[in-house]
Amino acid sequence: VQLQASGGGLVQPGGSLKLSCLVSGTGFSINVMGWYRQAPGKKRELVATITNVGAINYADSVKGRFTISRDIAKNTVALQMNSLKPEDTSVYYCKAESWSGLVYWGKGTLVTVSS
């Protein structure tokens, strides 16, 4: 099973980025997909998750700025990030969880918000 995240980079405060994650190599149905982030010296934290029926959960810090979406047929999940702030600077990780509770993580993609 592989999770390949892409779309990270350097952006100025107030700018936008879109992250994408492709899950491949699975022989099972994925229940929840999501994005987490980890800044230097901090714990990994939830950014947003989406279930296979479209139930969405956002961290309070990103509500109204980030939008998670999912293509179940293609096993992809995306995170549109708008109005980015310096405190959004982190490594962003894609996560997939099966119905049986198996959890897979991608390697992460770096997002840097700086002028």
C-alpha atoms as a PDB file:
ATOM      1  CA  VAL A   1       0.000   0.000   0.000  1.00  0.00           C
ATOM      2  CA  GLN A   2       1.353   3.400  -0.975  1.00  0.00           C
ATOM      3  CA  LEU A   3       0.122   6.885  -0.269  1.00  0.00           C
ATOM      4  CA  GLN A   4       1.660   9.466  -2.549  1.00  0.00           C
ATOM      5  CA  ALA A   5       1.139  13.074  -1.535  1.00  0.00           C
ATOM      6  CA  SER A   6       1.950  16.032  -3.724  1.00  0.00           C
ATOM      7  CA  GLY A   7       1.351  19.761  -3.976  1.00  0.00           C
ATOM      8  CA  GLY A   8       3.435  21.153  -1.160  1.00  0.00           C
ATOM      9  CA  GLY A   9       5.720  24.127  -1.576  1.00  0.00           C
ATOM     10  CA  LEU A  10       6.479  27.683  -0.609  1.00  0.00           C
ATOM     11  CA  VAL A  11       3.662  30.216  -0.588  1.00  0.00           C
ATOM     12  CA  GLN A  12       3.248  33.724   0.740  1.00  0.00           C
ATOM     13  CA  PRO A  13       0.849  34.477   3.577  1.00  0.00           C
ATOM     14  CA  GLY A  14      -2.664  34.778   2.221  1.00  0.00           C
ATOM     15  CA  GLY A  15      -1.881  32.478  -0.662  1.00  0.00           C
ATOM     16  CA  SER A  16      -3.292  29.105  -1.642  1.00  0.00           C
ATOM     17  CA  LEU A  17      -2.051  25.597  -2.248  1.00  0.00           C
ATOM     18  CA  LYS A  18      -3.755  22.343  -3.100  1.00  0.00           C
ATOM     19  CA  LEU A  19      -2.483  19.039  -1.780  1.00  0.00           C
ATOM     20  CA  SER A  20      -3.374  15.740  -3.390  1.00  0.00           C
ATOM     21  CA  CYS A  21      -2.917  12.172  -2.222  1.00  0.00           C
ATOM     22  CA  LEU A  22      -3.270   8.965  -4.189  1.00  0.00           C
ATOM     23  CA  VAL A  23      -3.692   5.641  -2.436  1.00  0.00           C
ATOM     24  CA  SER A  24      -2.568   2.653  -4.442  1.00  0.00           C
ATOM     25  CA  GLY A  25      -2.017  -1.024  -3.897  1.00  0.00           C
ATOM     26  CA  THR A  26      -4.972  -1.656  -1.643  1.00  0.00           C
ATOM     27  CA  GLY A  27      -7.180  -4.711  -1.810  1.00  0.00           C
ATOM     28  CA  PHE A  28      -9.671  -3.283   0.632  1.00  0.00           C
ATOM     29  CA  SER A  29     -12.157  -0.465   0.838  1.00  0.00           C
ATOM     30  CA  ILE A  30     -11.002   2.688   2.518  1.00  0.00           C
ATOM     31  CA  ASN A  31     -13.304   4.185   5.122  1.00  0.00           C
ATOM     32  CA  VAL A  32     -11.648   7.398   6.230  1.00  0.00           C
ATOM     33  CA  MET A  33      -9.068   9.515   4.447  1.00  0.00           C
ATOM     34  CA  GLY A  34      -7.529  12.603   5.847  1.00  0.00           C
ATOM     35  CA  TRP A  35      -4.736  15.068   6.275  1.00  0.00           C
ATOM     36  CA  TYR A  36      -2.591  15.633   9.318  1.00  0.00           C
ATOM     37  CA  ARG A  37       0.332  17.970   9.861  1.00  0.00           C
ATOM     38  CA  GLN A  38       3.372  18.185  12.041  1.00  0.00           C
ATOM     39  CA  ALA A  39       5.383  21.328  12.633  1.00  0.00           C
ATOM     40  CA  PRO A  40       8.960  21.180  13.963  1.00  0.00           C
ATOM     41  CA  GLY A  41       8.978  20.357  17.643  1.00  0.00           C
ATOM     42  CA  LYS A  42       5.246  19.731  17.765  1.00  0.00           C
ATOM     43  CA  LYS A  43       2.990  16.699  17.763  1.00  0.00           C
ATOM     44  CA  ARG A  44       1.227  15.546  14.640  1.00  0.00           C
ATOM     45  CA  GLU A  45      -2.254  17.022  14.552  1.00  0.00           C
ATOM     46  CA  LEU A  46      -5.434  16.465  12.609  1.00  0.00           C
ATOM     47  CA  VAL A  47      -6.184  18.907   9.814  1.00  0.00           C
ATOM     48  CA  ALA A  48      -9.218  17.348   8.158  1.00  0.00           C
ATOM     49  CA  THR A  49     -10.827  13.967   7.562  1.00  0.00           C
ATOM     50  CA  ILE A  50     -13.536  12.699   5.257  1.00  0.00           C
ATOM     51  CA  THR A  51     -15.384   9.384   5.388  1.00  0.00           C
ATOM     52  CA  ASN A  52     -16.619   7.306   2.488  1.00  0.00           C
ATOM     53  CA  VAL A  53     -20.067   8.833   2.884  1.00  0.00           C
ATOM     54  CA  GLY A  54     -18.716  12.362   2.906  1.00  0.00           C
ATOM     55  CA  ALA A  55     -18.774  13.173   6.599  1.00  0.00           C
ATOM     56  CA  ILE A  56     -16.113  15.820   7.161  1.00  0.00           C
ATOM     57  CA  ASN A  57     -14.229  16.982  10.208  1.00  0.00           C
ATOM     58  CA  TYR A  58     -11.905  19.986  10.349  1.00  0.00           C
ATOM     59  CA  ALA A  59      -9.536  21.259  12.973  1.00  0.00           C
ATOM     60  CA  ASP A  60     -10.810  24.556  14.368  1.00  0.00           C
ATOM     61  CA  SER A  61      -7.653  26.281  13.175  1.00  0.00           C
ATOM     62  CA  VAL A  62      -8.423  25.587   9.507  1.00  0.00           C
ATOM     63  CA  LYS A  63     -12.222  25.880   9.396  1.00  0.00           C
ATOM     64  CA  GLY A  64     -13.339  28.289   6.710  1.00  0.00           C
ATOM     65  CA  ARG A  65      -9.929  28.255   5.023  1.00  0.00           C
ATOM     66  CA  PHE A  66      -9.291  24.628   4.069  1.00  0.00           C
ATOM     67  CA  THR A  67     -11.519  22.288   2.103  1.00  0.00           C
ATOM     68  CA  ILE A  68     -11.092  18.518   1.944  1.00  0.00           C
ATOM     69  CA  SER A  69     -12.508  16.487  -0.920  1.00  0.00           C
ATOM     70  CA  ARG A  70     -12.347  12.905  -2.035  1.00  0.00           C
ATOM     71  CA  ASP A  71     -12.741  10.809  -5.170  1.00  0.00           C
ATOM     72  CA  ILE A  72     -13.655   7.347  -3.936  1.00  0.00           C
ATOM     73  CA  ALA A  73     -13.405   5.703  -7.343  1.00  0.00           C
ATOM     74  CA  LYS A  74      -9.877   7.020  -7.825  1.00  0.00           C
ATOM     75  CA  ASN A  75      -8.769   6.553  -4.191  1.00  0.00           C
ATOM     76  CA  THR A  76      -7.656  10.147  -3.961  1.00  0.00           C
ATOM     77  CA  VAL A  77      -8.099  12.861  -1.389  1.00  0.00           C
ATOM     78  CA  ALA A  78      -7.328  16.540  -1.821  1.00  0.00           C
ATOM     79  CA  LEU A  79      -6.899  19.488   0.504  1.00  0.00           C
ATOM     80  CA  GLN A  80      -7.495  22.976  -0.844  1.00  0.00           C
ATOM     81  CA  MET A  81      -5.773  25.451   1.440  1.00  0.00           C
ATOM     82  CA  ASN A  82      -6.668  29.122   1.159  1.00  0.00           C
ATOM     83  CA  SER A  83      -5.727  32.170   3.195  1.00  0.00           C
ATOM     84  CA  LEU A  84      -2.606  30.420   4.367  1.00  0.00           C
ATOM     85  CA  LYS A  85      -0.859  31.689   7.478  1.00  0.00           C
ATOM     86  CA  PRO A  86       2.729  31.267   8.660  1.00  0.00           C
ATOM     87  CA  GLU A  87       1.438  28.983  11.410  1.00  0.00           C
ATOM     88  CA  ASP A  88       0.198  26.584   8.735  1.00  0.00           C
ATOM     89  CA  THR A  89       3.828  25.784   7.945  1.00  0.00           C
ATOM     90  CA  SER A  90       4.221  22.054   8.522  1.00  0.00           C
ATOM     91  CA  VAL A  91       4.823  18.734   6.910  1.00  0.00           C
ATOM     92  CA  TYR A  92       1.414  17.510   5.768  1.00  0.00           C
ATOM     93  CA  TYR A  93       0.659  13.810   5.850  1.00  0.00           C
ATOM     94  CA  CYS A  94      -2.034  11.878   4.080  1.00  0.00           C
ATOM     95  CA  LYS A  95      -3.737   9.069   5.991  1.00  0.00           C
ATOM     96  CA  ALA A  96      -6.011   6.242   4.917  1.00  0.00           C
ATOM     97  CA  GLU A  97      -7.917   3.929   7.228  1.00  0.00           C
ATOM     98  CA  SER A  98      -9.717   0.758   6.240  1.00  0.00           C
ATOM     99  CA  TRP A  99     -12.982  -0.499   7.635  1.00  0.00           C
ATOM    100  CA  SER A 100     -11.042  -3.070   9.658  1.00  0.00           C
ATOM    101  CA  GLY A 101      -8.924  -0.379  11.251  1.00  0.00           C
ATOM    102  CA  LEU A 102      -5.747  -0.706   9.213  1.00  0.00           C
ATOM    103  CA  VAL A 103      -4.000   2.663   8.997  1.00  0.00           C
ATOM    104  CA  TYR A 104      -1.588   3.827   6.341  1.00  0.00           C
ATOM    105  CA  TRP A 105       0.415   7.040   6.172  1.00  0.00           C
ATOM    106  CA  GLY A 106       2.082   8.825   3.328  1.00  0.00           C
ATOM    107  CA  LYS A 107       5.589  10.233   3.602  1.00  0.00           C
ATOM    108  CA  GLY A 108       4.485  13.822   3.895  1.00  0.00           C
ATOM    109  CA  THR A 109       4.794  16.957   1.844  1.00  0.00           C
ATOM    110  CA  LEU A 110       6.242  20.208   3.157  1.00  0.00           C
ATOM    111  CA  VAL A 111       4.169  23.378   3.135  1.00  0.00           C
ATOM    112  CA  THR A 112       6.012  26.585   3.961  1.00  0.00           C
ATOM    113  CA  VAL A 113       4.110  29.837   4.375  1.00  0.00           C
ATOM    114  CA  SER A 114       6.515  32.738   4.405  1.00  0.00           C
ATOM    115  CA  SER A 115       7.082  36.103   2.819  1.00  0.00           C
END
